[in-house]
Every structure is written in C-alpha cells, then in structure tokens.
Amino acid sequence: DRLDIYAQMVDALVADYAVKRRLMLSVLPR
C-alpha cells in the first residue's frame, strides 16, 4: 500500500501545516 500510505501522509501534512497553520507546505521527493 506504499502509494496509498504516501498519499495519506501528504494529506495529513496538508491538513495540519497548510490548512490549520496557514503555512506554505514545500515537499521535495527523492
């Protein structure tokens, strides 16, 4: 379920940092 897990982790980061805290979320995959 690696891609599903990745998607859920990104969703959680978006919800906390971008929506709740009103920050720009910047992600650099390998």
PDB file of all heavy atoms in Angstrom:
ATOM      1  N   ASP A   1       0.823  -1.214   0.000  1.00  0.00           N
ATOM      2  CA  ASP A   1       0.000   0.000   0.000  1.00  0.00           C
ATOM      3  C   ASP A   1       0.857   1.263   0.000  1.00  0.00           C
ATOM      4  O   ASP A   1       0.423   2.312   0.479  1.00  0.00           O
ATOM      5  CB  ASP A   1      -0.916   0.025   1.229  1.00  0.00           C
ATOM      6  CG  ASP A   1      -1.918  -1.104   1.221  1.00  0.00           C
ATOM      7  OD1 ASP A   1      -2.300  -1.537   0.118  1.00  0.00           O
ATOM      8  OD2 ASP A   1      -2.309  -1.558   2.305  1.00  0.00           O
ATOM      9  N   ARG A   2       2.067   1.181  -0.516  1.00  0.00           N
ATOM     10  CA  ARG A   2       3.024   2.282  -0.375  1.00  0.00           C
ATOM     11  C   ARG A   2       2.475   3.605  -0.919  1.00  0.00           C
ATOM     12  O   ARG A   2       2.624   4.644  -0.282  1.00  0.00           O
ATOM     13  CB  ARG A   2       4.353   1.941  -1.050  1.00  0.00           C
ATOM     14  CG  ARG A   2       4.290   1.705  -2.554  1.00  0.00           C
ATOM     15  CD  ARG A   2       5.683   1.394  -3.120  1.00  0.00           C
ATOM     16  NE  ARG A   2       6.637   2.437  -2.826  1.00  0.00           N
ATOM     17  CZ  ARG A   2       6.785   3.544  -3.531  1.00  0.00           C
ATOM     18  NH1 ARG A   2       5.998   3.752  -4.584  1.00  0.00           N
ATOM     19  NH2 ARG A   2       7.663   4.451  -3.198  1.00  0.00           N
ATOM     20  N   LEU A   3       1.832   3.584  -2.079  1.00  0.00           N
ATOM     21  CA  LEU A   3       1.341   4.829  -2.662  1.00  0.00           C
ATOM     22  C   LEU A   3       0.148   5.372  -1.886  1.00  0.00           C
ATOM     23  O   LEU A   3      -0.015   6.587  -1.743  1.00  0.00           O
ATOM     24  CB  LEU A   3       0.980   4.620  -4.129  1.00  0.00           C
ATOM     25  CG  LEU A   3       2.171   4.316  -5.056  1.00  0.00           C
ATOM     26  CD1 LEU A   3       1.709   4.130  -6.491  1.00  0.00           C
ATOM     27  CD2 LEU A   3       3.217   5.429  -4.975  1.00  0.00           C
ATOM     28  N   ASP A   4      -0.680   4.475  -1.367  1.00  0.00           N
ATOM     29  CA  ASP A   4      -1.807   4.907  -0.542  1.00  0.00           C
ATOM     30  C   ASP A   4      -1.302   5.519   0.762  1.00  0.00           C
ATOM     31  O   ASP A   4      -1.813   6.555   1.221  1.00  0.00           O
ATOM     32  CB  ASP A   4      -2.722   3.724  -0.247  1.00  0.00           C
ATOM     33  CG  ASP A   4      -3.902   4.118   0.633  1.00  0.00           C
ATOM     34  OD1 ASP A   4      -4.667   4.997   0.231  1.00  0.00           O
ATOM     35  OD2 ASP A   4      -4.037   3.550   1.735  1.00  0.00           O
ATOM     36  N   ILE A   5      -0.293   4.896   1.353  1.00  0.00           N
ATOM     37  CA  ILE A   5       0.294   5.436   2.581  1.00  0.00           C
ATOM     38  C   ILE A   5       0.924   6.790   2.309  1.00  0.00           C
ATOM     39  O   ILE A   5       0.740   7.744   3.081  1.00  0.00           O
ATOM     40  CB  ILE A   5       1.335   4.458   3.163  1.00  0.00           C
ATOM     41  CG1 ILE A   5       0.651   3.196   3.677  1.00  0.00           C
ATOM     42  CG2 ILE A   5       2.135   5.120   4.285  1.00  0.00           C
ATOM     43  CD1 ILE A   5       1.608   2.092   4.077  1.00  0.00           C
ATOM     44  N   TYR A   6       1.637   6.906   1.200  1.00  0.00           N
ATOM     45  CA  TYR A   6       2.256   8.191   0.854  1.00  0.00           C
ATOM     46  C   TYR A   6       1.184   9.268   0.694  1.00  0.00           C
ATOM     47  O   TYR A   6       1.323  10.383   1.217  1.00  0.00           O
ATOM     48  CB  TYR A   6       3.068   8.051  -0.435  1.00  0.00           C
ATOM     49  CG  TYR A   6       3.799   9.327  -0.821  1.00  0.00           C
ATOM     50  CD1 TYR A   6       5.027   9.653  -0.251  1.00  0.00           C
ATOM     51  CD2 TYR A   6       3.251  10.204  -1.747  1.00  0.00           C
ATOM     52  CE1 TYR A   6       5.685  10.828  -0.587  1.00  0.00           C
ATOM     53  CE2 TYR A   6       3.902  11.392  -2.087  1.00  0.00           C
ATOM     54  CZ  TYR A   6       5.126  11.688  -1.512  1.00  0.00           C
ATOM     55  OH  TYR A   6       5.772  12.854  -1.841  1.00  0.00           O
ATOM     56  N   ALA A   7       0.122   8.937  -0.022  1.00  0.00           N
ATOM     57  CA  ALA A   7      -0.958   9.903  -0.241  1.00  0.00           C
ATOM     58  C   ALA A   7      -1.590  10.334   1.076  1.00  0.00           C
ATOM     59  O   ALA A   7      -1.897  11.522   1.282  1.00  0.00           O
ATOM     60  CB  ALA A   7      -2.021   9.304  -1.167  1.00  0.00           C
ATOM     61  N   GLN A   8      -1.796   9.391   2.000  1.00  0.00           N
ATOM     62  CA  GLN A   8      -2.385   9.735   3.298  1.00  0.00           C
ATOM     63  C   GLN A   8      -1.438  10.600   4.124  1.00  0.00           C
ATOM     64  O   GLN A   8      -1.883  11.505   4.850  1.00  0.00           O
ATOM     65  CB  GLN A   8      -2.744   8.466   4.061  1.00  0.00           C
ATOM     66  CG  GLN A   8      -3.938   7.715   3.494  1.00  0.00           C
ATOM     67  CD  GLN A   8      -4.382   6.589   4.412  1.00  0.00           C
ATOM     68  OE1 GLN A   8      -4.700   6.813   5.578  1.00  0.00           O
ATOM     69  NE2 GLN A   8      -4.379   5.381   3.900  1.00  0.00           N
ATOM     70  N   MET A   9      -0.135  10.334   4.044  1.00  0.00           N
ATOM     71  CA  MET A   9       0.821  11.173   4.769  1.00  0.00           C
ATOM     72  C   MET A   9       0.790  12.601   4.223  1.00  0.00           C
ATOM     73  O   MET A   9       0.809  13.574   4.995  1.00  0.00           O
ATOM     74  CB  MET A   9       2.233  10.586   4.673  1.00  0.00           C
ATOM     75  CG  MET A   9       2.436   9.304   5.462  1.00  0.00           C
ATOM     76  SD  MET A   9       4.185   8.812   5.652  1.00  0.00           S
ATOM     77  CE  MET A   9       4.643   8.422   3.956  1.00  0.00           C
ATOM     78  N   VAL A  10       0.756  12.736   2.896  1.00  0.00           N
ATOM     79  CA  VAL A  10       0.690  14.069   2.291  1.00  0.00           C
ATOM     80  C   VAL A  10      -0.597  14.775   2.709  1.00  0.00           C
ATOM     81  O   VAL A  10      -0.583  15.965   3.059  1.00  0.00           O
ATOM     82  CB  VAL A  10       0.792  13.975   0.757  1.00  0.00           C
ATOM     83  CG1 VAL A  10       0.476  15.319   0.102  1.00  0.00           C
ATOM     84  CG2 VAL A  10       2.188  13.510   0.351  1.00  0.00           C
ATOM     85  N   ASP A  11      -1.722  14.055   2.697  1.00  0.00           N
ATOM     86  CA  ASP A  11      -2.999  14.652   3.118  1.00  0.00           C
ATOM     87  C   ASP A  11      -2.916  15.171   4.551  1.00  0.00           C
ATOM     88  O   ASP A  11      -3.420  16.259   4.865  1.00  0.00           O
ATOM     89  CB  ASP A  11      -4.130  13.626   3.013  1.00  0.00           C
ATOM     90  CG  ASP A  11      -4.556  13.366   1.577  1.00  0.00           C
ATOM     91  OD1 ASP A  11      -4.162  14.150   0.692  1.00  0.00           O
ATOM     92  OD2 ASP A  11      -5.275  12.373   1.360  1.00  0.00           O
ATOM     93  N   ALA A  12      -2.286  14.393   5.426  1.00  0.00           N
ATOM     94  CA  ALA A  12      -2.173  14.801   6.824  1.00  0.00           C
ATOM     95  C   ALA A  12      -1.296  16.043   6.969  1.00  0.00           C
ATOM     96  O   ALA A  12      -1.599  16.948   7.765  1.00  0.00           O
ATOM     97  CB  ALA A  12      -1.604  13.655   7.660  1.00  0.00           C
ATOM     98  N   LEU A  13      -0.209  16.114   6.192  1.00  0.00           N
ATOM     99  CA  LEU A  13       0.664  17.289   6.237  1.00  0.00           C
ATOM    100  C   LEU A  13      -0.057  18.525   5.713  1.00  0.00           C
ATOM    101  O   LEU A  13       0.075  19.625   6.264  1.00  0.00           O
ATOM    102  CB  LEU A  13       1.936  17.032   5.433  1.00  0.00           C
ATOM    103  CG  LEU A  13       2.880  15.947   5.970  1.00  0.00           C
ATOM    104  CD1 LEU A  13       4.064  15.747   5.024  1.00  0.00           C
ATOM    105  CD2 LEU A  13       3.374  16.289   7.369  1.00  0.00           C
ATOM    106  N   VAL A  14      -0.811  18.341   4.631  1.00  0.00           N
ATOM    107  CA  VAL A  14      -1.585  19.454   4.079  1.00  0.00           C
ATOM    108  C   VAL A  14      -2.583  19.970   5.123  1.00  0.00           C
ATOM    109  O   VAL A  14      -2.704  21.183   5.362  1.00  0.00           O
ATOM    110  CB  VAL A  14      -2.325  19.031   2.794  1.00  0.00           C
ATOM    111  CG1 VAL A  14      -3.382  20.066   2.409  1.00  0.00           C
ATOM    112  CG2 VAL A  14      -1.326  18.849   1.649  1.00  0.00           C
ATOM    113  N   ALA A  15      -3.312  19.049   5.750  1.00  0.00           N
ATOM    114  CA  ALA A  15      -4.343  19.439   6.718  1.00  0.00           C
ATOM    115  C   ALA A  15      -3.747  20.199   7.895  1.00  0.00           C
ATOM    116  O   ALA A  15      -4.335  21.184   8.372  1.00  0.00           O
ATOM    117  CB  ALA A  15      -5.095  18.200   7.206  1.00  0.00           C
ATOM    118  N   ASP A  16      -2.592  19.757   8.373  1.00  0.00           N
ATOM    119  CA  ASP A  16      -2.008  20.379   9.561  1.00  0.00           C
ATOM    120  C   ASP A  16      -1.253  21.664   9.230  1.00  0.00           C
ATOM    121  O   ASP A  16      -1.504  22.713   9.824  1.00  0.00           O
ATOM    122  CB  ASP A  16      -1.071  19.402  10.262  1.00  0.00           C
ATOM    123  CG  ASP A  16      -0.605  19.926  11.608  1.00  0.00           C
ATOM    124  OD1 ASP A  16      -1.396  19.871  12.564  1.00  0.00           O
ATOM    125  OD2 ASP A  16       0.544  20.417  11.693  1.00  0.00           O
ATOM    126  N   TYR A  17      -0.319  21.578   8.275  1.00  0.00           N
ATOM    127  CA  TYR A  17       0.573  22.713   8.033  1.00  0.00           C
ATOM    128  C   TYR A  17      -0.029  23.756   7.085  1.00  0.00           C
ATOM    129  O   TYR A  17       0.135  24.961   7.320  1.00  0.00           O
ATOM    130  CB  TYR A  17       1.916  22.220   7.481  1.00  0.00           C
ATOM    131  CG  TYR A  17       2.713  21.453   8.508  1.00  0.00           C
ATOM    132  CD1 TYR A  17       2.672  20.057   8.557  1.00  0.00           C
ATOM    133  CD2 TYR A  17       3.490  22.125   9.445  1.00  0.00           C
ATOM    134  CE1 TYR A  17       3.383  19.356   9.510  1.00  0.00           C
ATOM    135  CE2 TYR A  17       4.207  21.428  10.407  1.00  0.00           C
ATOM    136  CZ  TYR A  17       4.155  20.042  10.438  1.00  0.00           C
ATOM    137  OH  TYR A  17       4.851  19.355  11.398  1.00  0.00           O
ATOM    138  N   ALA A  18      -0.681  23.310   6.022  1.00  0.00           N
ATOM    139  CA  ALA A  18      -1.204  24.267   5.038  1.00  0.00           C
ATOM    140  C   ALA A  18      -2.564  24.832   5.444  1.00  0.00           C
ATOM    141  O   ALA A  18      -2.799  26.032   5.313  1.00  0.00           O
ATOM    142  CB  ALA A  18      -1.298  23.603   3.663  1.00  0.00           C
ATOM    143  N   VAL A  19      -3.462  23.969   5.924  1.00  0.00           N
ATOM    144  CA  VAL A  19      -4.820  24.426   6.241  1.00  0.00           C
ATOM    145  C   VAL A  19      -4.899  24.982   7.664  1.00  0.00           C
ATOM    146  O   VAL A  19      -5.270  26.137   7.871  1.00  0.00           O
ATOM    147  CB  VAL A  19      -5.830  23.275   6.049  1.00  0.00           C
ATOM    148  CG1 VAL A  19      -7.225  23.731   6.455  1.00  0.00           C
ATOM    149  CG2 VAL A  19      -5.818  22.791   4.606  1.00  0.00           C
ATOM    150  N   LYS A  20      -4.527  24.171   8.643  1.00  0.00           N
ATOM    151  CA  LYS A  20      -4.683  24.581  10.044  1.00  0.00           C
ATOM    152  C   LYS A  20      -3.721  25.705  10.422  1.00  0.00           C
ATOM    153  O   LYS A  20      -4.115  26.703  11.028  1.00  0.00           O
ATOM    154  CB  LYS A  20      -4.478  23.375  10.943  1.00  0.00           C
ATOM    155  CG  LYS A  20      -4.635  23.681  12.428  1.00  0.00           C
ATOM    156  CD  LYS A  20      -4.432  22.408  13.260  1.00  0.00           C
ATOM    157  CE  LYS A  20      -4.537  22.702  14.747  1.00  0.00           C
ATOM    158  NZ  LYS A  20      -4.319  21.462  15.547  1.00  0.00           N
ATOM    159  N   ARG A  21      -2.436  25.548  10.060  1.00  0.00           N
ATOM    160  CA  ARG A  21      -1.436  26.542  10.487  1.00  0.00           C
ATOM    161  C   ARG A  21      -1.231  27.663   9.469  1.00  0.00           C
ATOM    162  O   ARG A  21      -0.493  28.602   9.735  1.00  0.00           O
ATOM    163  CB  ARG A  21      -0.101  25.848  10.763  1.00  0.00           C
ATOM    164  CG  ARG A  21      -0.146  24.768  11.826  1.00  0.00           C
ATOM    165  CD  ARG A  21       1.238  24.534  12.367  1.00  0.00           C
ATOM    166  NE  ARG A  21       1.438  23.160  12.775  1.00  0.00           N
ATOM    167  CZ  ARG A  21       2.569  22.670  13.253  1.00  0.00           C
ATOM    168  NH1 ARG A  21       3.630  23.462  13.364  1.00  0.00           N
ATOM    169  NH2 ARG A  21       2.678  21.408  13.598  1.00  0.00           N
ATOM    170  N   ARG A  22      -1.812  27.509   8.291  1.00  0.00           N
ATOM    171  CA  ARG A  22      -1.746  28.544   7.251  1.00  0.00           C
ATOM    172  C   ARG A  22      -0.297  28.818   6.808  1.00  0.00           C
ATOM    173  O   ARG A  22       0.125  29.962   6.662  1.00  0.00           O
ATOM    174  CB  ARG A  22      -2.426  29.830   7.726  1.00  0.00           C
ATOM    175  CG  ARG A  22      -3.869  29.645   8.146  1.00  0.00           C
ATOM    176  CD  ARG A  22      -4.466  30.908   8.723  1.00  0.00           C
ATOM    177  NE  ARG A  22      -4.694  31.907   7.676  1.00  0.00           N
ATOM    178  CZ  ARG A  22      -5.818  32.032   6.978  1.00  0.00           C
ATOM    179  NH1 ARG A  22      -6.837  31.206   7.214  1.00  0.00           N
ATOM    180  NH2 ARG A  22      -5.955  32.965   6.068  1.00  0.00           N
ATOM    181  N   LEU A  23       0.452  27.752   6.570  1.00  0.00           N
ATOM    182  CA  LEU A  23       1.820  27.852   6.084  1.00  0.00           C
ATOM    183  C   LEU A  23       1.887  27.361   4.642  1.00  0.00           C
ATOM    184  O   LEU A  23       0.987  26.648   4.187  1.00  0.00           O
ATOM    185  CB  LEU A  23       2.767  27.000   6.935  1.00  0.00           C
ATOM    186  CG  LEU A  23       2.721  27.200   8.456  1.00  0.00           C
ATOM    187  CD1 LEU A  23       3.660  26.223   9.132  1.00  0.00           C
ATOM    188  CD2 LEU A  23       3.065  28.628   8.814  1.00  0.00           C
ATOM    189  N   MET A  24       2.945  27.714   3.920  1.00  0.00           N
ATOM    190  CA  MET A  24       3.186  27.061   2.634  1.00  0.00           C
ATOM    191  C   MET A  24       3.921  25.755   2.924  1.00  0.00           C
ATOM    192  O   MET A  24       4.944  25.738   3.617  1.00  0.00           O
ATOM    193  CB  MET A  24       4.032  27.918   1.696  1.00  0.00           C
ATOM    194  CG  MET A  24       4.410  27.159   0.412  1.00  0.00           C
ATOM    195  SD  MET A  24       5.358  28.126  -0.780  1.00  0.00           S
ATOM    196  CE  MET A  24       4.001  28.859  -1.713  1.00  0.00           C
ATOM    197  N   LEU A  25       3.387  24.669   2.405  1.00  0.00           N
ATOM    198  CA  LEU A  25       3.996  23.356   2.552  1.00  0.00           C
ATOM    199  C   LEU A  25       4.861  23.074   1.330  1.00  0.00           C
ATOM    200  O   LEU A  25       4.382  23.125   0.207  1.00  0.00           O
ATOM    201  CB  LEU A  25       2.911  22.281   2.691  1.00  0.00           C
ATOM    202  CG  LEU A  25       3.365  20.817   2.738  1.00  0.00           C
ATOM    203  CD1 LEU A  25       4.274  20.579   3.932  1.00  0.00           C
ATOM    204  CD2 LEU A  25       2.143  19.899   2.787  1.00  0.00           C
ATOM    205  N   SER A  26       6.131  22.770   1.569  1.00  0.00           N
ATOM    206  CA  SER A  26       7.088  22.543   0.484  1.00  0.00           C
ATOM    207  C   SER A  26       7.674  21.141   0.613  1.00  0.00           C
ATOM    208  O   SER A  26       8.287  20.806   1.631  1.00  0.00           O
ATOM    209  CB  SER A  26       8.205  23.587   0.554  1.00  0.00           C
ATOM    210  OG  SER A  26       9.143  23.415  -0.475  1.00  0.00           O
ATOM    211  N   VAL A  27       7.468  20.312  -0.417  1.00  0.00           N
ATOM    212  CA  VAL A  27       7.875  18.910  -0.379  1.00  0.00           C
ATOM    213  C   VAL A  27       8.845  18.630  -1.523  1.00  0.00           C
ATOM    214  O   VAL A  27       8.587  18.994  -2.671  1.00  0.00           O
ATOM    215  CB  VAL A  27       6.655  17.970  -0.498  1.00  0.00           C
ATOM    216  CG1 VAL A  27       7.091  16.513  -0.546  1.00  0.00           C
ATOM    217  CG2 VAL A  27       5.697  18.205   0.667  1.00  0.00           C
ATOM    218  N   LEU A  28       9.965  17.974  -1.207  1.00  0.00           N
ATOM    219  CA  LEU A  28      10.925  17.560  -2.232  1.00  0.00           C
ATOM    220  C   LEU A  28      11.095  16.053  -2.165  1.00  0.00           C
ATOM    221  O   LEU A  28      11.783  15.528  -1.289  1.00  0.00           O
ATOM    222  CB  LEU A  28      12.276  18.251  -2.031  1.00  0.00           C
ATOM    223  CG  LEU A  28      13.373  17.855  -3.030  1.00  0.00           C
ATOM    224  CD1 LEU A  28      12.952  18.201  -4.455  1.00  0.00           C
ATOM    225  CD2 LEU A  28      14.694  18.535  -2.693  1.00  0.00           C
ATOM    226  N   PRO A  29      10.453  15.297  -3.085  1.00  0.00           N
ATOM    227  CA  PRO A  29      10.636  13.840  -3.097  1.00  0.00           C
ATOM    228  C   PRO A  29      12.032  13.474  -3.578  1.00  0.00           C
ATOM    229  O   PRO A  29      12.712  14.260  -4.248  1.00  0.00           O
ATOM    230  CB  PRO A  29       9.577  13.358  -4.106  1.00  0.00           C
ATOM    231  CG  PRO A  29       8.686  14.531  -4.357  1.00  0.00           C
ATOM    232  CD  PRO A  29       9.525  15.740  -4.117  1.00  0.00           C
ATOM    233  N   ARG A  30      12.461  12.270  -3.252  1.00  0.00           N
ATOM    234  CA  ARG A  30      13.764  11.821  -3.730  1.00  0.00           C
ATOM    235  C   ARG A  30      13.637  11.340  -5.175  1.00  0.00           C
ATOM    236  O   ARG A  30      12.533  11.119  -5.690  1.00  0.00           O
ATOM    237  CB  ARG A  30      14.325  10.715  -2.847  1.00  0.00           C
ATOM    238  CG  ARG A  30      13.532   9.413  -2.799  1.00  0.00           C
ATOM    239  CD  ARG A  30      14.244   8.418  -1.900  1.00  0.00           C
ATOM    240  NE  ARG A  30      13.605   7.101  -1.903  1.00  0.00           N
ATOM    241  CZ  ARG A  30      14.144   6.016  -1.360  1.00  0.00           C
ATOM    242  NH1 ARG A  30      15.313   6.100  -0.756  1.00  0.00           N
ATOM    243  NH2 ARG A  30      13.524   4.852  -1.403  1.00  0.00           N
TER     244      ARG A  30
END
